[in-house]
Structures are given as C-alpha cells and as structure tokens.
C-alpha cells in the first residue's frame, strides 16, 4: 500500500504553509523513513502518499513526519486507502 489517512496531527514546528508538501515518513518505530507527499486536510488530518509501496501500514500506529533529522510532527494512522 502507498496511501493512508492520518488523524490527530500535532506539530513540533510550525505547520507547513503549502499543501501538499514532501517529507520522510516513518510508520513504525523500527521502520525506515520513506519519502511521501502529504496533503493537509481539515481537523488535524492529512492524506499521506508514499512514493513506493510500504508493508504493514496499520491503523492505530503512529506516522511521524521528518525533514532530515528534524521531527516536523505526526499523528495516528486512521485507515489505509
């Protein structure tokens, strides 16, 4: 799968001014970050589309957004599209 929705997003930096934006996304603690396009939506929600399919995108797990070593923010995977 390549696409999923994230809810309850909180930001550790100012939220991006443009949507979509590109970031690396980690979907599990030991998961290697992968490049994705993130479309901001209403109510602290975003659609995430990975460049390449990822295994085991699981609702209830965290999705964390990174730019290099900086954590931008993250939320909870609501469902896989």
C-alpha atoms as a PDB file:
ATOM      1  CA  UNK A   1       0.000   0.000   0.000  1.00  0.00           C
ATOM      2  CA  UNK A   2       1.059   3.565  -0.642  1.00  0.00           C
ATOM      3  CA  UNK A   3      -1.762   5.703   0.745  1.00  0.00           C
ATOM      4  CA  UNK A   4      -3.340   6.306   4.157  1.00  0.00           C
ATOM      5  CA  UNK A   5      -5.053   8.915   6.331  1.00  0.00           C
ATOM      6  CA  UNK A   6      -3.506  10.325   9.498  1.00  0.00           C
ATOM      7  CA  UNK A   7      -5.606  11.981  12.226  1.00  0.00           C
ATOM      8  CA  UNK A   8      -4.913  13.915  15.427  1.00  0.00           C
ATOM      9  CA  UNK A   9      -1.794  15.502  13.922  1.00  0.00           C
ATOM     10  CA  UNK A  10       0.348  17.591  16.226  1.00  0.00           C
ATOM     11  CA  UNK A  11       3.311  19.659  15.063  1.00  0.00           C
ATOM     12  CA  UNK A  12       6.683  20.129  16.761  1.00  0.00           C
ATOM     13  CA  UNK A  13       7.385  23.029  14.375  1.00  0.00           C
ATOM     14  CA  UNK A  14       5.053  25.472  12.613  1.00  0.00           C
ATOM     15  CA  UNK A  15       2.672  23.572  10.312  1.00  0.00           C
ATOM     16  CA  UNK A  16       3.663  23.727   6.622  1.00  0.00           C
ATOM     17  CA  UNK A  17       2.181  26.667   4.758  1.00  0.00           C
ATOM     18  CA  UNK A  18       1.839  24.714   1.493  1.00  0.00           C
ATOM     19  CA  UNK A  19      -0.068  21.524   0.811  1.00  0.00           C
ATOM     20  CA  UNK A  20       0.964  19.092  -0.424  1.00  0.00           C
ATOM     21  CA  UNK A  21       4.484  19.028   0.955  1.00  0.00           C
ATOM     22  CA  UNK A  22       7.208  16.389   0.753  1.00  0.00           C
ATOM     23  CA  UNK A  23       8.664  14.751   3.867  1.00  0.00           C
ATOM     24  CA  UNK A  24      10.090  11.460   5.018  1.00  0.00           C
ATOM     25  CA  UNK A  25       7.552   9.417   6.961  1.00  0.00           C
ATOM     26  CA  UNK A  26       8.091   6.636   9.484  1.00  0.00           C
ATOM     27  CA  UNK A  27       5.082   4.392  10.169  1.00  0.00           C
ATOM     28  CA  UNK A  28       6.553   2.157  12.875  1.00  0.00           C
ATOM     29  CA  UNK A  29       9.322   2.520  15.445  1.00  0.00           C
ATOM     30  CA  UNK A  30      11.817   0.359  13.516  1.00  0.00           C
ATOM     31  CA  UNK A  31      10.503   1.336  10.056  1.00  0.00           C
ATOM     32  CA  UNK A  32      12.946   3.027   7.701  1.00  0.00           C
ATOM     33  CA  UNK A  33      11.736   6.507   6.764  1.00  0.00           C
ATOM     34  CA  UNK A  34      10.321   6.748   3.241  1.00  0.00           C
ATOM     35  CA  UNK A  35       9.600   9.775   1.066  1.00  0.00           C
ATOM     36  CA  UNK A  36       5.936  10.758   0.824  1.00  0.00           C
ATOM     37  CA  UNK A  37       3.675  13.561  -0.334  1.00  0.00           C
ATOM     38  CA  UNK A  38       1.433  14.857   2.458  1.00  0.00           C
ATOM     39  CA  UNK A  39      -1.868  16.603   1.744  1.00  0.00           C
ATOM     40  CA  UNK A  40      -3.153  18.618   4.696  1.00  0.00           C
ATOM     41  CA  UNK A  41      -6.891  18.410   5.335  1.00  0.00           C
ATOM     42  CA  UNK A  42      -9.282  19.842   7.922  1.00  0.00           C
ATOM     43  CA  UNK A  43      -9.440  18.863  11.596  1.00  0.00           C
ATOM     44  CA  UNK A  44      -5.780  17.872  12.119  1.00  0.00           C
ATOM     45  CA  UNK A  45      -5.989  15.275   9.336  1.00  0.00           C
ATOM     46  CA  UNK A  46      -3.764  14.534   6.325  1.00  0.00           C
ATOM     47  CA  UNK A  47      -3.584  12.119   3.430  1.00  0.00           C
ATOM     48  CA  UNK A  48      -0.130  10.547   3.016  1.00  0.00           C
ATOM     49  CA  UNK A  49       1.001   9.005  -0.276  1.00  0.00           C
ATOM     50  CA  UNK A  50       4.337   7.187  -0.290  1.00  0.00           C
ATOM     51  CA  UNK A  51       6.468   7.247  -3.440  1.00  0.00           C
ATOM     52  CA  UNK A  52       6.912   3.472  -3.118  1.00  0.00           C
ATOM     53  CA  UNK A  53       4.526   0.905  -1.596  1.00  0.00           C
ATOM     54  CA  UNK A  54       5.130   0.081   2.076  1.00  0.00           C
ATOM     55  CA  UNK A  55       4.386  -3.088   4.017  1.00  0.00           C
ATOM     56  CA  UNK A  56       2.152  -3.182   7.079  1.00  0.00           C
ATOM     57  CA  UNK A  57       0.587   0.284   7.161  1.00  0.00           C
ATOM     58  CA  UNK A  58      -1.561  -0.339  10.233  1.00  0.00           C
ATOM     59  CA  UNK A  59      -4.406   1.764  11.676  1.00  0.00           C
ATOM     60  CA  UNK A  60      -3.666   2.814  15.254  1.00  0.00           C
ATOM     61  CA  UNK A  61       0.095   3.074  14.675  1.00  0.00           C
ATOM     62  CA  UNK A  62       1.903   6.411  14.637  1.00  0.00           C
ATOM     63  CA  UNK A  63       3.063   8.159  11.483  1.00  0.00           C
ATOM     64  CA  UNK A  64       5.882  10.662  12.059  1.00  0.00           C
ATOM     65  CA  UNK A  65       6.973  13.296   9.517  1.00  0.00           C
ATOM     66  CA  UNK A  66      10.667  14.234   9.158  1.00  0.00           C
ATOM     67  CA  UNK A  67      12.819  16.712   7.236  1.00  0.00           C
ATOM     68  CA  UNK A  68      16.334  15.270   7.526  1.00  0.00           C
ATOM     69  CA  UNK A  69      16.814  14.743  11.297  1.00  0.00           C
ATOM     70  CA  UNK A  70      14.094  17.203  12.334  1.00  0.00           C
ATOM     71  CA  UNK A  71      10.742  15.848  13.523  1.00  0.00           C
ATOM     72  CA  UNK A  72       8.040  18.013  11.950  1.00  0.00           C
ATOM     73  CA  UNK A  73       5.124  16.311  13.665  1.00  0.00           C
ATOM     74  CA  UNK A  74       2.915  13.282  13.353  1.00  0.00           C
ATOM     75  CA  UNK A  75      -0.364  11.614  14.112  1.00  0.00           C
ATOM     76  CA  UNK A  76      -2.235   8.329  14.243  1.00  0.00           C
ATOM     77  CA  UNK A  77      -2.937   6.224  11.154  1.00  0.00           C
ATOM     78  CA  UNK A  78      -6.740   6.242  10.825  1.00  0.00           C
ATOM     79  CA  UNK A  79      -7.123   3.942   7.827  1.00  0.00           C
ATOM     80  CA  UNK A  80      -5.415   2.725   4.675  1.00  0.00           C
ATOM     81  CA  UNK A  81      -6.861   3.982   1.380  1.00  0.00           C
END
